[in-house]
Protein backbone atom coordinates (compact mmCIF):
# COMPACT_ATOMS: atom_id res chain seq x y z
CA UNK A 1 -19.79 28.43 -4.37
CA UNK A 2 -21.31 27.88 -0.92
CA UNK A 3 -18.96 28.09 2.09
CA UNK A 4 -20.07 24.45 2.98
CA UNK A 5 -19.13 23.18 -0.29
CA UNK A 6 -15.77 24.91 -0.24
CA UNK A 7 -15.18 23.36 3.10
CA UNK A 8 -15.90 20.01 1.77
CA UNK A 9 -13.44 20.49 -1.19
CA UNK A 10 -10.76 21.47 1.26
CA UNK A 11 -11.35 18.41 3.25
CA UNK A 12 -10.99 16.18 0.18
CA UNK A 13 -7.78 17.95 -0.91
CA UNK A 14 -5.80 15.64 1.52
CA UNK A 15 -7.41 12.48 -0.14
CA UNK A 16 -5.80 13.68 -3.46
CA UNK A 17 -9.11 13.69 -5.13
CA UNK A 18 -9.22 15.42 -8.66
CA UNK A 19 -12.18 17.31 -9.00
CA UNK A 20 -13.70 19.74 -11.36
CA UNK A 21 -15.51 22.86 -10.37
CA UNK A 22 -18.34 24.49 -12.39
CA UNK A 23 -20.91 27.14 -11.37
CA UNK A 24 -23.49 24.61 -10.01
CA UNK A 25 -21.61 21.14 -10.19
CA UNK A 26 -18.76 19.52 -8.47
CA UNK A 27 -17.52 16.44 -10.30
CA UNK A 28 -15.05 13.94 -8.50
CA UNK A 29 -12.93 12.59 -11.38
CA UNK A 30 -10.52 10.13 -9.82
CA UNK A 31 -10.51 8.39 -6.56
CA UNK A 32 -7.49 6.32 -5.70
CA UNK A 33 -7.48 4.34 -2.58
CA UNK A 34 -4.35 2.50 -1.53
CA UNK A 35 -2.87 0.71 1.58
CA UNK A 36 0.33 0.53 3.04
CA UNK A 37 -0.19 -2.90 4.53
CA UNK A 38 2.36 -4.63 2.25
CA UNK A 39 4.99 -1.93 2.93
CA UNK A 40 4.53 -2.52 6.74
CA UNK A 41 4.74 -6.14 6.48
CA UNK A 42 7.83 -5.89 4.30
CA UNK A 43 9.55 -3.51 6.80
CA UNK A 44 8.66 -5.85 9.63
CA UNK A 45 9.91 -8.87 7.85
CA UNK A 46 13.29 -7.20 7.31
CA UNK A 47 13.23 -6.46 11.15
CA UNK A 48 12.79 -10.01 12.01
CA UNK A 49 16.02 -12.00 12.84
CA UNK A 50 14.74 -15.22 11.73
CA UNK A 51 13.11 -14.04 8.61
CA UNK A 52 16.30 -12.15 7.64
CA UNK A 53 18.16 -15.52 8.10
CA UNK A 54 15.58 -17.20 5.61
CA UNK A 55 15.79 -14.21 3.09
CA UNK A 56 19.59 -14.86 3.03
CA UNK A 57 19.15 -18.41 2.45
CA UNK A 58 16.61 -18.14 -0.30
CA UNK A 59 17.53 -20.49 -3.14
CA UNK A 60 19.37 -23.15 -0.99
CA UNK A 61 17.81 -26.24 0.45
CA UNK A 62 17.52 -24.72 3.79
CA UNK A 63 14.77 -22.16 2.35
CA UNK A 64 13.16 -24.30 -0.55
CA UNK A 65 9.66 -23.71 0.64
CA UNK A 66 10.26 -19.98 0.73
CA UNK A 67 10.11 -17.38 -2.07
CA UNK A 68 9.70 -13.81 -2.52
CA UNK A 69 6.89 -12.46 -4.83
CA UNK A 70 7.14 -9.55 -7.07
CA UNK A 71 5.94 -7.21 -4.10
CA UNK A 72 9.23 -8.26 -2.21
CA UNK A 73 7.22 -10.16 0.64
CA UNK A 74 8.68 -13.36 1.96
CA UNK A 75 6.29 -16.16 1.68
CA UNK A 76 6.34 -19.82 2.92
CA UNK A 77 4.22 -22.16 0.36
CA UNK A 78 2.76 -18.94 -1.12
CA UNK A 79 1.52 -17.77 2.23
CA UNK A 80 2.66 -14.18 3.53
CA UNK A 81 5.15 -14.83 6.60
């Protein structure tokens, strides 16, 4: 394997790529890309005092337009807060 190819493989290791090395071929088998945007939004919602009050009032008349999805994000009329 050429030094350049080895360097490329080492760079991709941090991306959690799964690859198959053969004498003349490098195959990328899986590429998974994810985002932590929802996690960051969820964290910030839990830090906001007003949104925490709404979260605590879910299911009451005070927060009837609000809900949480399966992802745990607080939403107002199906829009992320």
